[in-house]
Every structure is written in C-alpha cells, then in structure tokens.
Amino acid sequence: MEQKKKLGKYFSTSEHPFCILAKKIFTKIASLINVNGLENDERKYLYLYYIVIFNAWCLLNDENKDVLSFYIPFTHFELPQNTLLFSKIKEEILSVVNDRKHTNLLSNLICSLSISEKKGQLSIYIQVIKSFTTEIFIRNRLTSFYNKQNIYITDSYDEADIVITDTYERFNKSSGKEIFYLDSIEDELILNELNELIRIKYREKLRNN
C-alpha cells in the first residue's frame, strides 16, 4: 500500500499523457469521493495510482480483454452500478473520457474504491434462554467469522441491529430491528441464513453511511 501511494505521488507530478488524464479525472471526481485538502494527500495519491494503472490497461489493451481474466482464480466485481454515486462519477468522467466502456469500467473502479473506504458497524444482540451452550456456540461462531471492529455482539438490546433469539414472541416486531429466530444450531442451513442476513444488513449499513 505504501508503494502504491509513492507511485501515486510520482504520477501526480508526471507529465506523461496517462498521468495528465488521470489528474483531470481525479479533479472531476474528488469532491464526490470526499478527497479534498492537503490532509487527504495520501488518499489522493492512492486514487491516482489506481486511475493511472487502469487507464494504461484500457488504452494499451488492443484486444480489449476483460481485466478480470488476469486474476487466478477468476473473480468478479460486485458493484452498485445503479447508485447515485456511480451515476455522478460516470457523468463527470464522461466529460473527460469519450469511450463509454472505458468510462463504465473506470466509474466502477472509483465507486468501488470509495465504498470500500466506508466504515460501518453492525451490532448483534443474542437472547437465547433455552440452552446456555447455544449462546456460547453462536458467540464463538460469530466472533470467529467476523471482524469485531465491523460486526460485533452487544449486551444492549436497544442498540442492536439484529436480534438472535429462540423466543421470537418475546420481542416487539415493530421495533425496526431484524429479529432472527434460531431454534437449533444443528441445522447448517439456518446458520447459513443467519450469515447471509448479517452480510445483507452490513451492506445496508455501508450504503447508508
């Protein structure tokens, strides 16, 4: 990461056409991704690094191969192309880059970088009364699966985003909280449903931040 920032700093002073294009693009989108002022120089350099490298790939790739084909194993982007942020970024880049495919890919990249920087915390409250060992199992499973800086277990029902319980009827269903009923830890399908719910709610947190 430090090397990328150093290269980005170098690109910021270079007069190479790819670097000049990247600086024009960055100027257009800086306010949208909240990278303004001297205190954000490191973030600026990181964005410039990625934009220059990506532009070089787009402009030098005669066969127009999918950039993801270079990854082993093959991967894919999961990006919110319909978001307002994406639309605004795309609009600004189109004023500098004429090629729409290049613009779409670059907008995806910048939108992805911006979203990845967002911080969100999802809190989970566990209320299991039928089995003491079940609560221990759930706590251990969640703490081993997730980074506690982002997804953590709380002792406060009021601050919880998700409530895991084996006594569903005890909770106010109109509270706005997501209530997940878990009556067995032996059913892997139910546990997978819980993991999927946590991922969905966490993505919602990031979008709303």
N, C-alpha and C. Protein backbone atom coordinates (compact mmCIF):
# COMPACT_ATOMS: atom_id res chain seq x y z
N MET A 1 0.84 -1.21 0.00
CA MET A 1 0.00 0.00 0.00
C MET A 1 0.87 1.26 0.00
N GLU A 2 1.96 1.22 0.78
CA GLU A 2 2.85 2.40 0.81
C GLU A 2 3.51 2.63 -0.54
N GLN A 3 3.86 1.55 -1.22
CA GLN A 3 4.47 1.68 -2.55
C GLN A 3 3.48 2.26 -3.55
N LYS A 4 2.21 1.86 -3.42
CA LYS A 4 1.19 2.41 -4.32
C LYS A 4 1.03 3.90 -4.10
N LYS A 5 1.07 4.33 -2.84
CA LYS A 5 0.95 5.75 -2.55
C LYS A 5 2.16 6.53 -3.08
N LYS A 6 3.33 5.92 -2.98
CA LYS A 6 4.53 6.58 -3.51
C LYS A 6 4.44 6.73 -5.02
N LEU A 7 3.96 5.68 -5.68
CA LEU A 7 3.79 5.77 -7.13
C LEU A 7 2.73 6.81 -7.49
N GLY A 8 1.66 6.84 -6.70
CA GLY A 8 0.62 7.84 -6.93
C GLY A 8 1.16 9.26 -6.80
N LYS A 9 2.04 9.46 -5.83
CA LYS A 9 2.65 10.78 -5.64
C LYS A 9 3.52 11.13 -6.85
N TYR A 10 4.24 10.13 -7.34
CA TYR A 10 5.06 10.36 -8.54
C TYR A 10 4.18 10.70 -9.74
N PHE A 11 3.08 9.94 -9.89
CA PHE A 11 2.15 10.20 -11.00
C PHE A 11 1.56 11.60 -10.93
N SER A 12 1.41 12.11 -9.71
CA SER A 12 0.78 13.44 -9.53
C SER A 12 1.65 14.57 -10.08
N THR A 13 2.94 14.30 -10.26
CA THR A 13 3.85 15.34 -10.79
C THR A 13 4.32 15.02 -12.21
N SER A 14 3.96 13.84 -12.71
CA SER A 14 4.43 13.42 -14.04
C SER A 14 3.62 14.09 -15.14
N GLU A 15 4.28 14.36 -16.27
CA GLU A 15 3.62 14.95 -17.42
C GLU A 15 3.31 13.90 -18.49
N HIS A 16 3.41 12.64 -18.13
CA HIS A 16 3.05 11.58 -19.07
C HIS A 16 1.55 11.70 -19.39
N PRO A 17 1.15 11.46 -20.65
CA PRO A 17 -0.27 11.60 -21.02
C PRO A 17 -1.23 10.81 -20.13
N PHE A 18 -0.86 9.60 -19.72
CA PHE A 18 -1.73 8.81 -18.85
C PHE A 18 -1.91 9.49 -17.49
N CYS A 19 -0.84 10.09 -17.01
CA CYS A 19 -0.90 10.76 -15.71
C CYS A 19 -1.71 12.05 -15.81
N ILE A 20 -1.54 12.78 -16.92
CA ILE A 20 -2.31 14.01 -17.13
C ILE A 20 -3.80 13.68 -17.19
N LEU A 21 -4.15 12.61 -17.92
CA LEU A 21 -5.55 12.20 -18.00
C LEU A 21 -6.08 11.81 -16.62
N ALA A 22 -5.27 11.09 -15.85
CA ALA A 22 -5.70 10.67 -14.51
C ALA A 22 -5.94 11.87 -13.61
N LYS A 23 -5.08 12.88 -13.71
CA LYS A 23 -5.24 14.08 -12.88
C LYS A 23 -6.50 14.85 -13.25
N LYS A 24 -6.81 14.88 -14.55
CA LYS A 24 -8.05 15.53 -14.98
C LYS A 24 -9.27 14.79 -14.43
N ILE A 25 -9.23 13.47 -14.51
CA ILE A 25 -10.33 12.65 -14.00
C ILE A 25 -10.48 12.85 -12.49
N PHE A 26 -9.35 12.81 -11.81
CA PHE A 26 -9.39 12.96 -10.35
C PHE A 26 -9.98 14.30 -9.94
N THR A 27 -9.58 15.36 -10.62
CA THR A 27 -10.11 16.69 -10.33
C THR A 27 -11.63 16.71 -10.45
N LYS A 28 -12.15 15.98 -11.43
CA LYS A 28 -13.59 15.94 -11.67
C LYS A 28 -14.34 15.21 -10.55
N ILE A 29 -13.71 14.15 -10.01
CA ILE A 29 -14.46 13.30 -9.07
C ILE A 29 -14.05 13.49 -7.60
N ALA A 30 -13.06 14.35 -7.34
CA ALA A 30 -12.53 14.50 -5.98
C ALA A 30 -13.60 14.85 -4.95
N SER A 31 -14.45 15.80 -5.30
CA SER A 31 -15.47 16.23 -4.33
C SER A 31 -16.52 15.14 -4.10
N LEU A 32 -16.76 14.30 -5.10
CA LEU A 32 -17.76 13.23 -4.96
C LEU A 32 -17.30 12.17 -3.98
N ILE A 33 -15.99 11.94 -3.91
CA ILE A 33 -15.46 10.90 -3.02
C ILE A 33 -14.80 11.50 -1.78
N ASN A 34 -15.04 12.80 -1.59
CA ASN A 34 -14.55 13.50 -0.39
C ASN A 34 -13.04 13.40 -0.21
N VAL A 35 -12.32 13.64 -1.29
CA VAL A 35 -10.85 13.70 -1.20
C VAL A 35 -10.43 15.11 -1.57
N ASN A 36 -10.44 15.99 -0.60
CA ASN A 36 -10.06 17.38 -0.83
C ASN A 36 -9.15 17.85 0.31
N GLY A 37 -8.24 18.74 -0.01
CA GLY A 37 -7.38 19.31 1.04
C GLY A 37 -6.09 18.54 1.21
N LEU A 38 -5.10 19.22 1.77
CA LEU A 38 -3.77 18.63 1.94
C LEU A 38 -3.78 17.41 2.86
N GLU A 39 -4.72 17.41 3.83
CA GLU A 39 -4.74 16.30 4.79
C GLU A 39 -5.12 14.98 4.12
N ASN A 40 -5.65 15.05 2.89
CA ASN A 40 -6.06 13.84 2.19
C ASN A 40 -5.10 13.48 1.05
N ASP A 41 -3.89 14.00 1.09
CA ASP A 41 -2.94 13.73 0.01
C ASP A 41 -2.70 12.24 -0.19
N GLU A 42 -2.60 11.48 0.90
CA GLU A 42 -2.32 10.05 0.76
C GLU A 42 -3.46 9.35 0.03
N ARG A 43 -4.68 9.72 0.34
CA ARG A 43 -5.82 9.12 -0.36
C ARG A 43 -5.81 9.54 -1.82
N LYS A 44 -5.47 10.80 -2.07
CA LYS A 44 -5.41 11.28 -3.44
C LYS A 44 -4.39 10.48 -4.23
N TYR A 45 -3.22 10.25 -3.65
CA TYR A 45 -2.17 9.51 -4.34
C TYR A 45 -2.61 8.08 -4.63
N LEU A 46 -3.36 7.49 -3.71
CA LEU A 46 -3.83 6.12 -3.91
C LEU A 46 -4.82 6.06 -5.08
N TYR A 47 -5.73 7.03 -5.12
CA TYR A 47 -6.68 7.08 -6.24
C TYR A 47 -5.94 7.31 -7.55
N LEU A 48 -4.96 8.22 -7.57
CA LEU A 48 -4.21 8.49 -8.79
C LEU A 48 -3.48 7.24 -9.26
N TYR A 49 -2.92 6.50 -8.33
CA TYR A 49 -2.24 5.25 -8.69
C TYR A 49 -3.19 4.32 -9.45
N TYR A 50 -4.35 4.08 -8.87
CA TYR A 50 -5.29 3.15 -9.49
C TYR A 50 -5.82 3.67 -10.82
N ILE A 51 -6.09 4.97 -10.90
CA ILE A 51 -6.63 5.53 -12.14
C ILE A 51 -5.60 5.45 -13.27
N VAL A 52 -4.33 5.78 -12.96
CA VAL A 52 -3.28 5.71 -13.98
C VAL A 52 -3.10 4.29 -14.48
N ILE A 53 -2.99 3.34 -13.55
CA ILE A 53 -2.79 1.94 -13.94
C ILE A 53 -3.97 1.44 -14.76
N PHE A 54 -5.18 1.80 -14.33
CA PHE A 54 -6.37 1.34 -15.04
C PHE A 54 -6.46 1.98 -16.43
N ASN A 55 -6.15 3.28 -16.53
CA ASN A 55 -6.16 3.94 -17.83
C ASN A 55 -5.14 3.31 -18.77
N ALA A 56 -3.97 2.99 -18.23
CA ALA A 56 -2.93 2.36 -19.05
C ALA A 56 -3.43 1.03 -19.59
N TRP A 57 -4.10 0.26 -18.74
CA TRP A 57 -4.64 -1.03 -19.20
C TRP A 57 -5.68 -0.81 -20.29
N CYS A 58 -6.58 0.12 -20.11
CA CYS A 58 -7.65 0.37 -21.08
C CYS A 58 -7.10 0.87 -22.41
N LEU A 59 -6.13 1.77 -22.35
CA LEU A 59 -5.65 2.44 -23.55
C LEU A 59 -4.61 1.62 -24.32
N LEU A 60 -3.94 0.69 -23.64
CA LEU A 60 -2.91 -0.11 -24.29
C LEU A 60 -3.39 -1.51 -24.66
N ASN A 61 -4.56 -1.87 -24.21
CA ASN A 61 -5.06 -3.22 -24.42
C ASN A 61 -5.78 -3.31 -25.76
N ASP A 62 -5.03 -3.68 -26.80
CA ASP A 62 -5.58 -3.71 -28.15
C ASP A 62 -6.69 -4.75 -28.29
N GLU A 63 -6.54 -5.88 -27.60
CA GLU A 63 -7.53 -6.94 -27.73
C GLU A 63 -8.74 -6.69 -26.84
N ASN A 64 -8.65 -5.68 -26.00
CA ASN A 64 -9.77 -5.31 -25.14
C ASN A 64 -10.24 -6.48 -24.26
N LYS A 65 -9.28 -7.20 -23.71
CA LYS A 65 -9.61 -8.33 -22.86
C LYS A 65 -10.21 -7.84 -21.55
N ASP A 66 -10.99 -8.71 -20.92
CA ASP A 66 -11.55 -8.39 -19.61
C ASP A 66 -10.40 -8.38 -18.60
N VAL A 67 -10.25 -7.27 -17.87
CA VAL A 67 -9.16 -7.17 -16.90
C VAL A 67 -9.23 -8.28 -15.86
N LEU A 68 -10.44 -8.77 -15.58
CA LEU A 68 -10.58 -9.80 -14.56
C LEU A 68 -10.03 -11.14 -15.02
N SER A 69 -9.82 -11.29 -16.34
CA SER A 69 -9.28 -12.55 -16.84
C SER A 69 -7.84 -12.75 -16.41
N PHE A 70 -7.20 -11.70 -15.91
CA PHE A 70 -5.82 -11.80 -15.45
C PHE A 70 -5.74 -12.35 -14.02
N TYR A 71 -6.88 -12.47 -13.35
CA TYR A 71 -6.89 -12.97 -11.98
C TYR A 71 -7.03 -14.48 -11.96
N ILE A 72 -6.26 -15.12 -11.13
CA ILE A 72 -6.36 -16.57 -10.92
C ILE A 72 -6.52 -16.81 -9.42
N PRO A 73 -7.63 -17.42 -8.97
CA PRO A 73 -8.76 -17.84 -9.80
C PRO A 73 -9.56 -16.63 -10.30
N PHE A 74 -10.38 -16.87 -11.30
CA PHE A 74 -11.19 -15.81 -11.90
C PHE A 74 -12.09 -15.17 -10.84
N THR A 75 -12.18 -13.86 -10.85
CA THR A 75 -13.01 -13.16 -9.89
C THR A 75 -14.00 -12.26 -10.62
N HIS A 76 -14.79 -11.51 -9.88
CA HIS A 76 -15.75 -10.61 -10.50
C HIS A 76 -16.01 -9.43 -9.58
N PHE A 77 -16.47 -8.33 -10.18
CA PHE A 77 -16.86 -7.16 -9.41
C PHE A 77 -18.32 -7.30 -9.00
N GLU A 78 -18.61 -6.91 -7.78
CA GLU A 78 -20.00 -6.82 -7.34
C GLU A 78 -20.24 -5.38 -6.93
N LEU A 79 -20.62 -4.57 -7.91
CA LEU A 79 -20.67 -3.13 -7.68
C LEU A 79 -22.07 -2.57 -7.94
N PRO A 80 -22.45 -1.55 -7.18
CA PRO A 80 -23.80 -0.97 -7.31
C PRO A 80 -23.88 0.05 -8.43
N GLN A 81 -24.00 -0.43 -9.68
CA GLN A 81 -23.97 0.49 -10.81
C GLN A 81 -25.19 1.40 -10.86
N ASN A 82 -26.22 1.09 -10.12
CA ASN A 82 -27.42 1.91 -10.16
C ASN A 82 -27.45 2.97 -9.06
N THR A 83 -26.37 3.09 -8.31
CA THR A 83 -26.37 4.05 -7.21
C THR A 83 -26.18 5.46 -7.72
N LEU A 84 -26.59 6.41 -6.91
CA LEU A 84 -26.44 7.82 -7.25
C LEU A 84 -24.96 8.18 -7.37
N LEU A 85 -24.12 7.63 -6.48
CA LEU A 85 -22.69 7.91 -6.53
C LEU A 85 -22.10 7.47 -7.86
N PHE A 86 -22.43 6.25 -8.27
CA PHE A 86 -21.92 5.74 -9.55
C PHE A 86 -22.34 6.65 -10.70
N SER A 87 -23.60 7.05 -10.71
CA SER A 87 -24.11 7.90 -11.79
C SER A 87 -23.39 9.23 -11.86
N LYS A 88 -23.13 9.82 -10.68
CA LYS A 88 -22.45 11.12 -10.65
C LYS A 88 -21.00 10.99 -11.11
N ILE A 89 -20.33 9.94 -10.65
CA ILE A 89 -18.94 9.70 -11.06
C ILE A 89 -18.87 9.50 -12.58
N LYS A 90 -19.78 8.69 -13.10
CA LYS A 90 -19.81 8.41 -14.53
C LYS A 90 -20.03 9.68 -15.33
N GLU A 91 -20.93 10.52 -14.87
CA GLU A 91 -21.22 11.78 -15.55
C GLU A 91 -19.99 12.67 -15.63
N GLU A 92 -19.23 12.74 -14.53
CA GLU A 92 -18.03 13.58 -14.51
C GLU A 92 -16.94 13.02 -15.41
N ILE A 93 -16.78 11.70 -15.38
CA ILE A 93 -15.72 11.08 -16.19
C ILE A 93 -16.03 11.21 -17.68
N LEU A 94 -17.31 11.13 -18.04
CA LEU A 94 -17.70 11.25 -19.45
C LEU A 94 -17.31 12.61 -20.04
N SER A 95 -17.15 13.60 -19.18
CA SER A 95 -16.74 14.92 -19.68
C SER A 95 -15.25 14.95 -20.04
N VAL A 96 -14.52 13.89 -19.63
CA VAL A 96 -13.08 13.82 -19.90
C VAL A 96 -12.74 12.66 -20.83
N VAL A 97 -13.43 11.54 -20.64
CA VAL A 97 -13.17 10.32 -21.42
C VAL A 97 -14.33 10.08 -22.38
N ASN A 98 -14.02 9.94 -23.66
CA ASN A 98 -15.07 9.79 -24.66
C ASN A 98 -15.59 8.36 -24.79
N ASP A 99 -14.74 7.40 -24.48
CA ASP A 99 -15.11 5.99 -24.64
C ASP A 99 -16.02 5.54 -23.50
N ARG A 100 -17.22 5.06 -23.85
CA ARG A 100 -18.21 4.72 -22.82
C ARG A 100 -17.82 3.46 -22.04
N LYS A 101 -17.22 2.47 -22.70
CA LYS A 101 -16.81 1.26 -21.99
C LYS A 101 -15.72 1.60 -20.98
N HIS A 102 -14.76 2.38 -21.42
CA HIS A 102 -13.69 2.85 -20.53
C HIS A 102 -14.30 3.60 -19.34
N THR A 103 -15.25 4.49 -19.63
CA THR A 103 -15.90 5.27 -18.58
C THR A 103 -16.64 4.38 -17.59
N ASN A 104 -17.38 3.40 -18.09
CA ASN A 104 -18.13 2.49 -17.21
C ASN A 104 -17.20 1.72 -16.28
N LEU A 105 -16.14 1.16 -16.85
CA LEU A 105 -15.20 0.38 -16.05
C LEU A 105 -14.50 1.25 -15.01
N LEU A 106 -14.08 2.44 -15.45
CA LEU A 106 -13.38 3.34 -14.53
C LEU A 106 -14.32 3.85 -13.43
N SER A 107 -15.56 4.12 -13.79
CA SER A 107 -16.55 4.55 -12.79
C SER A 107 -16.78 3.45 -11.76
N ASN A 108 -16.84 2.21 -12.24
CA ASN A 108 -16.97 1.08 -11.32
C ASN A 108 -15.80 1.01 -10.35
N LEU A 109 -14.61 1.18 -10.90
CA LEU A 109 -13.40 1.11 -10.08
C LEU A 109 -13.43 2.18 -8.99
N ILE A 110 -13.69 3.43 -9.37
CA ILE A 110 -13.67 4.54 -8.42
C ILE A 110 -14.79 4.39 -7.40
N CYS A 111 -15.95 4.00 -7.86
CA CYS A 111 -17.08 3.79 -6.95
C CYS A 111 -16.75 2.69 -5.95
N SER A 112 -16.12 1.62 -6.43
CA SER A 112 -15.73 0.51 -5.56
C SER A 112 -14.71 0.96 -4.52
N LEU A 113 -13.72 1.73 -4.94
CA LEU A 113 -12.71 2.23 -4.00
C LEU A 113 -13.36 3.10 -2.93
N SER A 114 -14.26 3.97 -3.35
CA SER A 114 -14.92 4.87 -2.41
C SER A 114 -15.75 4.10 -1.39
N ILE A 115 -16.52 3.12 -1.87
CA ILE A 115 -17.36 2.34 -0.98
C ILE A 115 -16.52 1.51 -0.02
N SER A 116 -15.38 0.99 -0.51
CA SER A 116 -14.53 0.14 0.33
C SER A 116 -13.93 0.92 1.49
N GLU A 117 -13.86 2.25 1.37
CA GLU A 117 -13.30 3.08 2.43
C GLU A 117 -14.28 3.35 3.55
N LYS A 118 -15.55 3.14 3.27
CA LYS A 118 -16.56 3.46 4.27
C LYS A 118 -16.48 2.51 5.46
N LYS A 119 -16.74 3.04 6.61
CA LYS A 119 -16.73 2.25 7.83
C LYS A 119 -18.16 2.08 8.33
N GLY A 120 -18.47 0.89 8.73
CA GLY A 120 -19.79 0.64 9.28
C GLY A 120 -19.70 -0.37 10.40
N GLN A 121 -20.59 -0.26 11.36
CA GLN A 121 -20.63 -1.21 12.46
C GLN A 121 -22.03 -1.79 12.58
N LEU A 122 -22.08 -3.09 12.65
CA LEU A 122 -23.34 -3.80 12.81
C LEU A 122 -23.32 -4.48 14.17
N SER A 123 -24.35 -4.23 14.98
CA SER A 123 -24.39 -4.81 16.33
C SER A 123 -25.43 -5.92 16.40
N ILE A 124 -25.08 -6.98 17.11
CA ILE A 124 -25.94 -8.17 17.22
C ILE A 124 -26.19 -8.46 18.70
N TYR A 125 -27.44 -8.64 19.03
CA TYR A 125 -27.85 -8.97 20.40
C TYR A 125 -28.35 -10.41 20.42
N ILE A 126 -27.83 -11.19 21.37
CA ILE A 126 -28.21 -12.60 21.48
C ILE A 126 -29.06 -12.81 22.73
N GLN A 127 -30.26 -13.33 22.53
CA GLN A 127 -31.13 -13.65 23.66
C GLN A 127 -31.61 -15.10 23.50
N VAL A 128 -30.82 -16.02 24.04
CA VAL A 128 -31.13 -17.44 23.97
C VAL A 128 -31.32 -17.95 25.40
N ILE A 129 -32.50 -18.45 25.70
CA ILE A 129 -32.78 -18.88 27.07
C ILE A 129 -33.00 -20.39 27.21
N LYS A 130 -33.18 -21.06 26.08
CA LYS A 130 -33.47 -22.50 26.16
C LYS A 130 -32.21 -23.33 26.36
N SER A 131 -31.08 -22.80 25.93
CA SER A 131 -29.83 -23.57 26.05
C SER A 131 -28.66 -22.62 26.25
N PHE A 132 -27.96 -22.79 27.36
CA PHE A 132 -26.80 -21.95 27.66
C PHE A 132 -25.68 -22.19 26.65
N THR A 133 -25.49 -23.45 26.25
CA THR A 133 -24.41 -23.77 25.32
C THR A 133 -24.68 -23.19 23.92
N THR A 134 -25.95 -23.02 23.58
CA THR A 134 -26.28 -22.44 22.28
C THR A 134 -25.75 -21.02 22.16
N GLU A 135 -25.94 -20.23 23.21
CA GLU A 135 -25.44 -18.86 23.17
C GLU A 135 -23.92 -18.83 23.03
N ILE A 136 -23.24 -19.71 23.76
CA ILE A 136 -21.78 -19.78 23.65
C ILE A 136 -21.36 -20.15 22.23
N PHE A 137 -22.07 -21.12 21.65
CA PHE A 137 -21.77 -21.55 20.28
C PHE A 137 -21.93 -20.39 19.30
N ILE A 138 -23.03 -19.66 19.41
CA ILE A 138 -23.30 -18.55 18.48
C ILE A 138 -22.25 -17.46 18.63
N ARG A 139 -21.94 -17.13 19.88
CA ARG A 139 -20.92 -16.10 20.12
C ARG A 139 -19.58 -16.50 19.50
N ASN A 140 -19.17 -17.72 19.74
CA ASN A 140 -17.89 -18.19 19.21
C ASN A 140 -17.90 -18.22 17.68
N ARG A 141 -19.00 -18.63 17.12
CA ARG A 141 -19.10 -18.71 15.66
C ARG A 141 -19.02 -17.32 15.03
N LEU A 142 -19.76 -16.37 15.58
CA LEU A 142 -19.77 -15.03 15.02
C LEU A 142 -18.43 -14.33 15.19
N THR A 143 -17.82 -14.48 16.35
CA THR A 143 -16.53 -13.81 16.58
C THR A 143 -15.42 -14.42 15.74
N SER A 144 -15.56 -15.70 15.37
CA SER A 144 -14.54 -16.31 14.52
C SER A 144 -14.76 -15.97 13.04
N PHE A 145 -16.01 -15.66 12.67
CA PHE A 145 -16.33 -15.35 11.28
C PHE A 145 -16.08 -13.90 10.92
N TYR A 146 -16.34 -12.99 11.87
CA TYR A 146 -16.39 -11.56 11.52
C TYR A 146 -15.40 -10.73 12.32
N ASN A 147 -14.97 -9.65 11.68
CA ASN A 147 -14.10 -8.68 12.33
C ASN A 147 -14.92 -7.90 13.35
N LYS A 148 -14.52 -7.96 14.60
CA LYS A 148 -15.33 -7.33 15.65
C LYS A 148 -15.34 -5.81 15.55
N GLN A 149 -14.43 -5.24 14.77
CA GLN A 149 -14.45 -3.79 14.57
C GLN A 149 -15.65 -3.38 13.71
N ASN A 150 -16.16 -4.32 12.90
CA ASN A 150 -17.26 -4.02 11.99
C ASN A 150 -18.56 -4.69 12.41
N ILE A 151 -18.46 -5.91 12.87
CA ILE A 151 -19.64 -6.67 13.27
C ILE A 151 -19.38 -7.23 14.66
N TYR A 152 -20.15 -6.78 15.63
CA TYR A 152 -19.85 -7.16 17.00
C TYR A 152 -21.12 -7.53 17.77
N ILE A 153 -20.93 -8.24 18.87
CA ILE A 153 -22.03 -8.65 19.73
C ILE A 153 -22.17 -7.63 20.85
N THR A 154 -23.38 -7.16 21.04
CA THR A 154 -23.65 -6.16 22.07
C THR A 154 -24.50 -6.74 23.19
N ASP A 155 -24.35 -6.17 24.37
CA ASP A 155 -25.18 -6.58 25.51
C ASP A 155 -26.41 -5.69 25.67
N SER A 156 -26.57 -4.75 24.74
CA SER A 156 -27.69 -3.82 24.80
C SER A 156 -28.69 -4.11 23.68
N TYR A 157 -29.89 -4.48 24.08
CA TYR A 157 -30.93 -4.73 23.08
C TYR A 157 -31.25 -3.47 22.28
N ASP A 158 -31.26 -2.31 22.95
CA ASP A 158 -31.65 -1.06 22.31
C ASP A 158 -30.74 -0.67 21.16
N GLU A 159 -29.45 -0.98 21.26
CA GLU A 159 -28.52 -0.55 20.21
C GLU A 159 -28.34 -1.61 19.13
N ALA A 160 -28.98 -2.75 19.28
CA ALA A 160 -28.78 -3.86 18.34
C ALA A 160 -29.46 -3.62 17.01
N ASP A 161 -28.78 -4.04 15.93
CA ASP A 161 -29.38 -4.03 14.59
C ASP A 161 -30.07 -5.36 14.32
N ILE A 162 -29.49 -6.42 14.83
CA ILE A 162 -30.05 -7.76 14.66
C ILE A 162 -30.19 -8.41 16.03
N VAL A 163 -31.32 -9.05 16.26
CA VAL A 163 -31.55 -9.79 17.49
C VAL A 163 -31.68 -11.27 17.13
N ILE A 164 -30.82 -12.09 17.73
CA ILE A 164 -30.90 -13.54 17.53
C ILE A 164 -31.55 -14.13 18.77
N THR A 165 -32.61 -14.89 18.56
CA THR A 165 -33.36 -15.38 19.71
C THR A 165 -33.97 -16.75 19.45
N ASP A 166 -34.26 -17.47 20.51
CA ASP A 166 -35.01 -18.72 20.41
C ASP A 166 -36.39 -18.55 21.03
N THR A 167 -36.75 -17.30 21.34
CA THR A 167 -38.07 -16.99 21.91
C THR A 167 -38.65 -15.80 21.15
N TYR A 168 -38.95 -16.02 19.90
CA TYR A 168 -39.35 -14.97 18.97
C TYR A 168 -40.49 -14.10 19.49
N GLU A 169 -41.45 -14.73 20.18
CA GLU A 169 -42.64 -14.00 20.60
C GLU A 169 -42.37 -12.94 21.66
N ARG A 170 -41.20 -12.95 22.28
CA ARG A 170 -40.90 -12.01 23.35
C ARG A 170 -40.55 -10.61 22.83
N PHE A 171 -40.27 -10.51 21.54
CA PHE A 171 -39.73 -9.25 21.04
C PHE A 171 -40.76 -8.47 20.24
N ASN A 172 -40.62 -7.16 20.33
CA ASN A 172 -41.51 -6.25 19.62
C ASN A 172 -41.16 -6.26 18.12
N LYS A 173 -42.04 -6.81 17.32
CA LYS A 173 -41.75 -6.98 15.90
C LYS A 173 -41.84 -5.66 15.13
N SER A 174 -42.35 -4.63 15.76
CA SER A 174 -42.45 -3.32 15.10
C SER A 174 -41.33 -2.37 15.56
N SER A 175 -40.33 -2.92 16.21
CA SER A 175 -39.25 -2.09 16.76
C SER A 175 -38.28 -1.60 15.69
N GLY A 176 -38.37 -2.17 14.50
CA GLY A 176 -37.43 -1.79 13.45
C GLY A 176 -36.19 -2.65 13.45
N LYS A 177 -36.06 -3.53 14.43
CA LYS A 177 -34.90 -4.42 14.50
C LYS A 177 -35.17 -5.68 13.68
N GLU A 178 -34.09 -6.25 13.18
CA GLU A 178 -34.21 -7.51 12.47
C GLU A 178 -34.16 -8.64 13.50
N ILE A 179 -35.26 -9.39 13.61
CA ILE A 179 -35.33 -10.50 14.58
C ILE A 179 -35.08 -11.80 13.84
N PHE A 180 -34.06 -12.53 14.27
CA PHE A 180 -33.75 -13.81 13.64
C PHE A 180 -34.01 -14.93 14.64
N TYR A 181 -34.94 -15.79 14.29
CA TYR A 181 -35.32 -16.90 15.17
C TYR A 181 -34.41 -18.10 14.90
N LEU A 182 -33.72 -18.54 15.93
CA LEU A 182 -32.78 -19.66 15.82
C LEU A 182 -33.11 -20.69 16.90
N ASP A 183 -33.78 -21.75 16.50
CA ASP A 183 -34.18 -22.74 17.48
C ASP A 183 -33.24 -23.93 17.54
N SER A 184 -32.28 -23.98 16.61
CA SER A 184 -31.35 -25.12 16.60
C SER A 184 -30.03 -24.71 15.97
N ILE A 185 -28.95 -25.14 16.58
CA ILE A 185 -27.64 -24.89 15.99
C ILE A 185 -27.14 -26.10 15.21
N GLU A 186 -27.99 -27.10 15.11
CA GLU A 186 -27.64 -28.31 14.36
C GLU A 186 -27.97 -28.17 12.89
N ASP A 187 -28.81 -27.20 12.55
CA ASP A 187 -29.24 -27.01 11.16
C ASP A 187 -28.32 -26.02 10.46
N GLU A 188 -27.45 -26.52 9.61
CA GLU A 188 -26.47 -25.67 8.94
C GLU A 188 -27.14 -24.69 7.97
N LEU A 189 -28.28 -25.06 7.43
CA LEU A 189 -28.99 -24.16 6.52
C LEU A 189 -29.46 -22.91 7.25
N ILE A 190 -29.96 -23.08 8.47
CA ILE A 190 -30.39 -21.93 9.26
C ILE A 190 -29.20 -21.05 9.61
N LEU A 191 -28.09 -21.66 9.95
CA LEU A 191 -26.89 -20.89 10.28
C LEU A 191 -26.39 -20.12 9.06
N ASN A 192 -26.52 -20.73 7.89
CA ASN A 192 -26.14 -20.03 6.65
C ASN A 192 -27.07 -18.86 6.38
N GLU A 193 -28.36 -19.03 6.70
CA GLU A 193 -29.32 -17.94 6.55
C GLU A 193 -28.95 -16.77 7.46
N LEU A 194 -28.49 -17.11 8.66
CA LEU A 194 -28.06 -16.06 9.59
C LEU A 194 -26.86 -15.31 9.03
N ASN A 195 -25.89 -16.02 8.49
CA ASN A 195 -24.72 -15.38 7.90
C ASN A 195 -25.11 -14.46 6.75
N GLU A 196 -26.04 -14.92 5.93
CA GLU A 196 -26.48 -14.11 4.80
C GLU A 196 -27.21 -12.85 5.27
N LEU A 197 -28.02 -12.98 6.31
CA LEU A 197 -28.71 -11.82 6.87
C LEU A 197 -27.70 -10.80 7.39
N ILE A 198 -26.68 -11.26 8.08
CA ILE A 198 -25.66 -10.37 8.62
C ILE A 198 -24.96 -9.63 7.48
N ARG A 199 -24.63 -10.33 6.41
CA ARG A 199 -23.97 -9.68 5.27
C ARG A 199 -24.88 -8.62 4.64
N ILE A 200 -26.15 -8.97 4.48
CA ILE A 200 -27.10 -8.03 3.86
C ILE A 200 -27.24 -6.77 4.71
N LYS A 201 -27.42 -6.94 6.02
CA LYS A 201 -27.59 -5.79 6.90
C LYS A 201 -26.32 -4.95 6.98
N TYR A 202 -25.17 -5.60 6.91
CA TYR A 202 -23.91 -4.85 6.95
C TYR A 202 -23.74 -4.02 5.68
N ARG A 203 -24.10 -4.59 4.52
CA ARG A 203 -24.02 -3.83 3.27
C ARG A 203 -24.96 -2.63 3.32
N GLU A 204 -26.13 -2.82 3.93
CA GLU A 204 -27.07 -1.70 4.10
C GLU A 204 -26.46 -0.60 4.95
N LYS A 205 -25.74 -1.00 6.01
CA LYS A 205 -25.07 -0.03 6.87
C LYS A 205 -24.06 0.80 6.08
N LEU A 206 -23.28 0.11 5.22
CA LEU A 206 -22.28 0.81 4.44
C LEU A 206 -22.92 1.79 3.47
N ARG A 207 -24.02 1.36 2.84
CA ARG A 207 -24.68 2.25 1.88
C ARG A 207 -25.26 3.48 2.56
N ASN A 208 -25.69 3.33 3.79
CA ASN A 208 -26.36 4.43 4.50
C ASN A 208 -25.38 5.35 5.20
N ASN A 209 -24.12 4.97 5.29
CA ASN A 209 -23.12 5.80 5.99
C ASN A 209 -22.69 6.98 5.11
